[in-house]
PDB file of N, CA and C in Angstrom:
ATOM      1  N   MET A   1     103.379  93.127 104.991  1.00  0.00           N
ATOM      2  CA  MET A   1     102.099  92.127 105.327  1.00  0.00           C
ATOM      3  C   MET A   1     101.493  91.773 105.088  1.00  0.00           C
ATOM      4  N   GLY A   2     101.386  90.650 104.176  1.00  0.00           N
ATOM      5  CA  GLY A   2     100.256  90.435 103.542  1.00  0.00           C
ATOM      6  C   GLY A   2      98.734  90.305 104.616  1.00  0.00           C
ATOM      7  N   ALA A   3      97.601  90.154 103.853  1.00  0.00           N
ATOM      8  CA  ALA A   3      96.648  90.323 103.650  1.00  0.00           C
ATOM      9  C   ALA A   3      95.274  89.037 104.604  1.00  0.00           C
ATOM     10  N   HIS A   4      96.908  87.596 104.922  1.00  0.00           N
ATOM     11  CA  HIS A   4      96.831  87.215 106.377  1.00  0.00           C
ATOM     12  C   HIS A   4      97.126  86.650 107.098  1.00  0.00           C
ATOM     13  N   VAL A   5      97.370  87.761 107.338  1.00  0.00           N
ATOM     14  CA  VAL A   5      98.268  87.733 108.471  1.00  0.00           C
ATOM     15  C   VAL A   5      97.261  87.625 110.155  1.00  0.00           C
ATOM     16  N   MET A   6      97.500  86.258 111.310  1.00  0.00           N
ATOM     17  CA  MET A   6      97.119  86.382 112.238  1.00  0.00           C
ATOM     18  C   MET A   6      97.580  86.241 113.178  1.00  0.00           C
ATOM     19  N   LEU A   7      97.479  86.851 114.426  1.00  0.00           N
ATOM     20  CA  LEU A   7      97.807  87.743 115.716  1.00  0.00           C
ATOM     21  C   LEU A   7      96.789  87.618 116.933  1.00  0.00           C
ATOM     22  N   SER A   8      97.391  87.151 118.308  1.00  0.00           N
ATOM     23  CA  SER A   8      96.962  86.795 118.921  1.00  0.00           C
ATOM     24  C   SER A   8      97.360  87.325 120.375  1.00  0.00           C
ATOM     25  N   VAL A   9      95.842  88.182 120.931  1.00  0.00           N
ATOM     26  CA  VAL A   9      96.435  89.351 121.237  1.00  0.00           C
ATOM     27  C   VAL A   9      95.315  89.429 122.863  1.00  0.00           C
ATOM     28  N   LYS A  10      95.166  89.644 124.125  1.00  0.00           N
ATOM     29  CA  LYS A  10      94.701  89.490 124.960  1.00  0.00           C
ATOM     30  C   LYS A  10      93.991  90.733 125.657  1.00  0.00           C
ATOM     31  N   VAL A  11      93.351  90.747 126.043  1.00  0.00           N
ATOM     32  CA  VAL A  11      91.795  91.012 125.757  1.00  0.00           C
ATOM     33  C   VAL A  11      91.642  91.867 127.951  1.00  0.00           C
ATOM     34  N   SER A  12      92.312  93.018 127.729  1.00  0.00           N
ATOM     35  CA  SER A  12      92.184  93.446 129.006  1.00  0.00           C
ATOM     36  C   SER A  12      91.228  93.111 129.797  1.00  0.00           C
ATOM     37  N   PRO A  13      91.533  93.348 131.208  1.00  0.00           N
ATOM     38  CA  PRO A  13      89.586  93.218 132.315  1.00  0.00           C
ATOM     39  C   PRO A  13      88.932  94.810 131.796  1.00  0.00           C
ATOM     40  N   LYS A  14      89.366  95.716 131.242  1.00  0.00           N
ATOM     41  CA  LYS A  14      88.312  96.542 130.381  1.00  0.00           C
ATOM     42  C   LYS A  14      87.879  96.328 129.326  1.00  0.00           C
ATOM     43  N   PHE A  15      88.231  95.769 128.769  1.00  0.00           N
ATOM     44  CA  PHE A  15      87.987  94.513 127.745  1.00  0.00           C
ATOM     45  C   PHE A  15      88.841  95.738 126.561  1.00  0.00           C
ATOM     46  N   GLN A  16      90.257  95.644 126.640  1.00  0.00           N
ATOM     47  CA  GLN A  16      90.716  96.609 125.682  1.00  0.00           C
ATOM     48  C   GLN A  16      91.911  95.184 124.911  1.00  0.00           C
ATOM     49  N   VAL A  17      92.408  95.631 124.051  1.00  0.00           N
ATOM     50  CA  VAL A  17      93.073  94.785 123.226  1.00  0.00           C
ATOM     51  C   VAL A  17      93.798  96.409 122.709  1.00  0.00           C
ATOM     52  N   VAL A  18      95.813  95.418 122.329  1.00  0.00           N
ATOM     53  CA  VAL A  18      96.699  96.431 121.678  1.00  0.00           C
ATOM     54  C   VAL A  18      96.922  95.422 120.801  1.00  0.00           C
ATOM     55  N   ILE A  19      96.584  96.721 119.358  1.00  0.00           N
ATOM     56  CA  ILE A  19      96.424  96.172 118.214  1.00  0.00           C
ATOM     57  C   ILE A  19      98.151  95.951 117.458  1.00  0.00           C
ATOM     58  N   PRO A  20      99.201  95.242 117.520  1.00  0.00           N
ATOM     59  CA  PRO A  20     100.300  94.597 116.998  1.00  0.00           C
ATOM     60  C   PRO A  20     101.009  95.794 116.680  1.00  0.00           C
ATOM     61  N   LYS A  21     102.422  96.016 116.574  1.00  0.00           N
ATOM     62  CA  LYS A  21     103.396  97.109 115.929  1.00  0.00           C
ATOM     63  C   LYS A  21     103.108  96.984 114.536  1.00  0.00           C
ATOM     64  N   GLU A  22     103.340  95.554 113.471  1.00  0.00           N
ATOM     65  CA  GLU A  22     104.169  94.692 112.655  1.00  0.00           C
ATOM     66  C   GLU A  22     101.809  95.415 111.427  1.00  0.00           C
ATOM     67  N   ILE A  23     100.575  95.172 112.791  1.00  0.00           N
ATOM     68  CA  ILE A  23      99.300  94.960 112.179  1.00  0.00           C
ATOM     69  C   ILE A  23      99.700  96.850 112.195  1.00  0.00           C
ATOM     70  N   ARG A  24      99.569  97.511 113.215  1.00  0.00           N
ATOM     71  CA  ARG A  24      99.912  99.018 113.183  1.00  0.00           C
ATOM     72  C   ARG A  24     100.242  99.832 112.164  1.00  0.00           C
ATOM     73  N   GLU A  25     101.592  99.288 111.755  1.00  0.00           N
ATOM     74  CA  GLU A  25     102.588  99.954 110.596  1.00  0.00           C
ATOM     75  C   GLU A  25     101.982  99.478 109.040  1.00  0.00           C
ATOM     76  N   SER A  26     101.768  98.903 109.031  1.00  0.00           N
ATOM     77  CA  SER A  26     101.335  97.728 107.729  1.00  0.00           C
ATOM     78  C   SER A  26     100.322  98.894 106.825  1.00  0.00           C
ATOM     79  N   LEU A  27      98.812  99.353 108.273  1.00  0.00           N
ATOM     80  CA  LEU A  27      97.506  99.545 107.944  1.00  0.00           C
ATOM     81  C   LEU A  27      98.381 100.775 108.507  1.00  0.00           C
ATOM     82  N   GLN A  28      98.686 101.694 108.672  1.00  0.00           N
ATOM     83  CA  GLN A  28      99.579 103.460 109.148  1.00  0.00           C
ATOM     84  C   GLN A  28      97.906 102.775 109.822  1.00  0.00           C
ATOM     85  N   VAL A  29      97.107 102.564 111.014  1.00  0.00           N
ATOM     86  CA  VAL A  29      96.445 103.436 112.273  1.00  0.00           C
ATOM     87  C   VAL A  29      98.037 103.716 112.903  1.00  0.00           C
ATOM     88  N   PHE A  30      97.062 104.538 113.517  1.00  0.00           N
ATOM     89  CA  PHE A  30      97.717 105.851 114.276  1.00  0.00           C
ATOM     90  C   PHE A  30      96.901 106.426 115.831  1.00  0.00           C
ATOM     91  N   PRO A  31      97.367 106.106 118.003  1.00  0.00           N
ATOM     92  CA  PRO A  31      96.632 106.590 118.202  1.00  0.00           C
ATOM     93  C   PRO A  31      95.859 107.989 118.468  1.00  0.00           C
ATOM     94  N   GLY A  32      94.465 107.811 118.727  1.00  0.00           N
ATOM     95  CA  GLY A  32      93.614 108.688 118.345  1.00  0.00           C
ATOM     96  C   GLY A  32      92.344 107.591 117.739  1.00  0.00           C
ATOM     97  N   GLN A  33      93.342 107.718 116.246  1.00  0.00           N
ATOM     98  CA  GLN A  33      92.315 107.170 114.656  1.00  0.00           C
ATOM     99  C   GLN A  33      91.042 106.317 115.333  1.00  0.00           C
ATOM    100  N   ARG A  34      89.953 106.691 115.381  1.00  0.00           N
ATOM    101  CA  ARG A  34      88.829 106.070 115.172  1.00  0.00           C
ATOM    102  C   ARG A  34      88.107 105.046 113.990  1.00  0.00           C
ATOM    103  N   MET A  35      87.965 103.998 114.779  1.00  0.00           N
ATOM    104  CA  MET A  35      87.303 102.885 114.213  1.00  0.00           C
ATOM    105  C   MET A  35      85.920 102.387 114.467  1.00  0.00           C
ATOM    106  N   GLN A  36      85.667 101.283 113.300  1.00  0.00           N
ATOM    107  CA  GLN A  36      84.384 101.016 112.389  1.00  0.00           C
ATOM    108  C   GLN A  36      84.705  99.983 113.562  1.00  0.00           C
ATOM    109  N   VAL A  37      84.139  99.186 114.338  1.00  0.00           N
ATOM    110  CA  VAL A  37      84.360  98.446 114.990  1.00  0.00           C
ATOM    111  C   VAL A  37      83.053  96.772 114.329  1.00  0.00           C
ATOM    112  N   VAL A  38      82.615  96.127 113.650  1.00  0.00           N
ATOM    113  CA  VAL A  38      82.100  94.652 113.379  1.00  0.00           C
ATOM    114  C   VAL A  38      82.002  93.565 113.834  1.00  0.00           C
ATOM    115  N   GLN A  39      80.598  92.968 113.478  1.00  0.00           N
ATOM    116  CA  GLN A  39      80.551  91.770 114.253  1.00  0.00           C
ATOM    117  C   GLN A  39      80.251  90.798 113.132  1.00  0.00           C
ATOM    118  N   TYR A  40      80.694  90.392 112.744  1.00  0.00           N
ATOM    119  CA  TYR A  40      80.741  89.055 111.880  1.00  0.00           C
ATOM    120  C   TYR A  40      80.807  88.204 111.905  1.00  0.00           C
ATOM    121  N   GLU A  41      79.433  87.271 111.987  1.00  0.00           N
ATOM    122  CA  GLU A  41      79.750  85.633 112.915  1.00  0.00           C
ATOM    123  C   GLU A  41      79.756  85.658 113.628  1.00  0.00           C
ATOM    124  N   ASN A  42      80.945  84.534 114.001  1.00  0.00           N
ATOM    125  CA  ASN A  42      81.429  84.449 115.236  1.00  0.00           C
ATOM    126  C   ASN A  42      82.623  85.573 114.977  1.00  0.00           C
ATOM    127  N   ARG A  43      83.353  86.933 114.793  1.00  0.00           N
ATOM    128  CA  ARG A  43      84.727  86.986 114.510  1.00  0.00           C
ATOM    129  C   ARG A  43      83.438  88.573 115.217  1.00  0.00           C
ATOM    130  N   ILE A  44      84.537  89.871 115.191  1.00  0.00           N
ATOM    131  CA  ILE A  44      85.978  91.125 115.103  1.00  0.00           C
ATOM    132  C   ILE A  44      86.244  91.573 114.321  1.00  0.00           C
ATOM    133  N   GLU A  45      85.674  92.425 113.856  1.00  0.00           N
ATOM    134  CA  GLU A  45      86.656  93.325 112.171  1.00  0.00           C
ATOM    135  C   GLU A  45      86.401  94.844 112.976  1.00  0.00           C
ATOM    136  N   LEU A  46      87.745  94.832 113.555  1.00  0.00           N
ATOM    137  CA  LEU A  46      88.038  96.290 113.337  1.00  0.00           C
ATOM    138  C   LEU A  46      88.809  97.268 112.000  1.00  0.00           C
ATOM    139  N   ILE A  47      87.789  98.729 111.113  1.00  0.00           N
ATOM    140  CA  ILE A  47      87.913  98.914 110.569  1.00  0.00           C
ATOM    141  C   ILE A  47      88.353 100.434 110.511  1.00  0.00           C
ATOM    142  N   PRO A  48      89.399 100.606 110.058  1.00  0.00           N
ATOM    143  CA  PRO A  48      89.977 101.938 110.091  1.00  0.00           C
ATOM    144  C   PRO A  48      89.449 103.245 109.570  1.00  0.00           C
ATOM    145  N   GLU A  49      88.696 104.081 110.625  1.00  0.00           N
ATOM    146  CA  GLU A  49      88.149 105.559 109.611  1.00  0.00           C
ATOM    147  C   GLU A  49      89.590 106.688 108.827  1.00  0.00           C
ATOM    148  N   LYS A  50      89.115 106.383 107.909  1.00  0.00           N
ATOM    149  CA  LYS A  50      89.501 107.598 107.232  1.00  0.00           C
ATOM    150  C   LYS A  50      89.314 109.250 106.416  1.00  0.00           C
ATOM    151  N   ASN A  51      89.981 109.873 106.931  1.00  0.00           N
ATOM    152  CA  ASN A  51      89.712 111.549 106.613  1.00  0.00           C
ATOM    153  C   ASN A  51      89.574 111.459 105.512  1.00  0.00           C
ATOM    154  N   ILE A  52      87.806 112.221 105.325  1.00  0.00           N
ATOM    155  CA  ILE A  52      87.745 113.253 103.663  1.00  0.00           C
ATOM    156  C   ILE A  52      89.130 112.994 102.634  1.00  0.00           C
ATOM    157  N   SER A  53      90.155 114.075 103.363  1.00  0.00           N
ATOM    158  CA  SER A  53      90.643 114.270 102.919  1.00  0.00           C
ATOM    159  C   SER A  53      91.312 113.304 102.115  1.00  0.00           C
ATOM    160  N   GLU A  54      91.817 111.943 102.927  1.00  0.00           N
ATOM    161  CA  GLU A  54      92.594 110.411 102.484  1.00  0.00           C
ATOM    162  C   GLU A  54      92.127 110.406 101.285  1.00  0.00           C
ATOM    163  N   LEU A  55      90.793 110.715 100.606  1.00  0.00           N
ATOM    164  CA  LEU A  55      89.635 109.557  99.728  1.00  0.00           C
ATOM    165  C   LEU A  55      89.904 110.521  98.375  1.00  0.00           C
ATOM    166  N   GLU A  56      90.002 112.292  98.969  1.00  0.00           N
ATOM    167  CA  GLU A  56      89.563 112.811  97.172  1.00  0.00           C
ATOM    168  C   GLU A  56      90.837 112.249  97.080  1.00  0.00           C
ATOM    169  N   GLY A  57      89.608 111.898  95.192  1.00  0.00           N
ATOM    170  CA  GLY A  57      90.443 111.373  94.138  1.00  0.00           C
ATOM    171  C   GLY A  57      90.755 110.018  94.033  1.00  0.00           C
ATOM    172  N   PHE A  58      89.733 108.682  94.985  1.00  0.00           N
ATOM    173  CA  PHE A  58      89.783 107.639  95.377  1.00  0.00           C
ATOM    174  C   PHE A  58      88.970 107.137  93.747  1.00  0.00           C
ATOM    175  N   LEU A  59      88.765 108.116  93.424  1.00  0.00           N
ATOM    176  CA  LEU A  59      86.953 107.387  92.396  1.00  0.00           C
ATOM    177  C   LEU A  59      87.505 108.074  91.157  1.00  0.00           C
ATOM    178  N   LYS A  60      88.238 108.634  90.172  1.00  0.00           N
ATOM    179  CA  LYS A  60      89.267 109.647  89.518  1.00  0.00           C
ATOM    180  C   LYS A  60      89.287 108.134  88.851  1.00  0.00           C
ATOM    181  N   GLY A  61      88.959 108.668  86.752  1.00  0.00           N
ATOM    182  CA  GLY A  61      89.101 107.452  85.800  1.00  0.00           C
ATOM    183  C   GLY A  61      87.270 106.573  85.948  1.00  0.00           C
ATOM    184  N   ILE A  62      87.394 106.125  87.369  1.00  0.00           N
ATOM    185  CA  ILE A  62      85.598 105.491  87.757  1.00  0.00           C
ATOM    186  C   ILE A  62      84.898 105.279  86.016  1.00  0.00           C
ATOM    187  N   ASN A  63      84.451 104.721  85.212  1.00  0.00           N
ATOM    188  CA  ASN A  63      83.308 104.604  84.289  1.00  0.00           C
ATOM    189  C   ASN A  63      82.185 104.978  84.949  1.00  0.00           C
ATOM    190  N   THR A  64      81.637 105.391  84.500  1.00  0.00           N
ATOM    191  CA  THR A  64      80.196 106.212  84.624  1.00  0.00           C
ATOM    192  C   THR A  64      79.254 105.853  83.984  1.00  0.00           C
ATOM    193  N   THR A  65      79.381 105.637  82.831  1.00  0.00           N
ATOM    194  CA  THR A  65      78.533 105.264  81.404  1.00  0.00           C
ATOM    195  C   THR A  65      77.844 104.505  81.425  1.00  0.00           C
ATOM    196  N   PHE A  66      76.919 103.776  81.683  1.00  0.00           N
ATOM    197  CA  PHE A  66      76.569 102.684  81.662  1.00  0.00           C
ATOM    198  C   PHE A  66      74.835 102.796  81.975  1.00  0.00           C
ATOM    199  N   ASP A  67      73.846 102.228  80.688  1.00  0.00           N
ATOM    200  CA  ASP A  67      72.353 102.054  80.366  1.00  0.00           C
ATOM    201  C   ASP A  67      71.411 101.754  81.607  1.00  0.00           C
ATOM    202  N   ARG A  68      71.016 102.794  81.598  1.00  0.00           N
ATOM    203  CA  ARG A  68      69.546 102.756  83.684  1.00  0.00           C
ATOM    204  C   ARG A  68      68.773 102.332  82.853  1.00  0.00           C
ATOM    205  N   GLU A  69      67.873 101.431  83.826  1.00  0.00           N
ATOM    206  CA  GLU A  69      66.813 100.778  83.152  1.00  0.00           C
ATOM    207  C   GLU A  69      65.540 102.303  83.645  1.00  0.00           C
ATOM    208  N   LYS A  70      65.330 101.759  83.203  1.00  0.00           N
ATOM    209  CA  LYS A  70      64.238 102.792  82.412  1.00  0.00           C
ATOM    210  C   LYS A  70      62.920 103.740  83.171  1.00  0.00           C
ATOM    211  N   ASP A  71      63.131 102.697  84.347  1.00  0.00           N
ATOM    212  CA  ASP A  71      62.222 103.281  85.432  1.00  0.00           C
ATOM    213  C   ASP A  71      62.910 103.951  86.472  1.00  0.00           C
ATOM    214  N   ARG A  72      64.414 104.110  85.957  1.00  0.00           N
ATOM    215  CA  ARG A  72      64.252 105.093  87.589  1.00  0.00           C
ATOM    216  C   ARG A  72      65.876 106.129  86.756  1.00  0.00           C
ATOM    217  N   LEU A  73      65.683 107.706  87.641  1.00  0.00           N
ATOM    218  CA  LEU A  73      66.123 108.674  86.576  1.00  0.00           C
ATOM    219  C   LEU A  73      67.255 108.274  86.565  1.00  0.00           C
TER     220      LEU A  73
END
């Protein structure tokens, strides 16, 4: 599923929404998973939280050599 998918959902009387199956599968969202909720201008964004173990090695190979400004440690 591409990055520009727009599907319609309905807000329940308890202000709940169901994430469509195609999006849940694409983003590997699972029941009980925590989400960050962000209000950005006139929209709501849900960002799945990841377990710290899933992030292991994601910076591997990053270039850490750069010149620092003289007033920085």
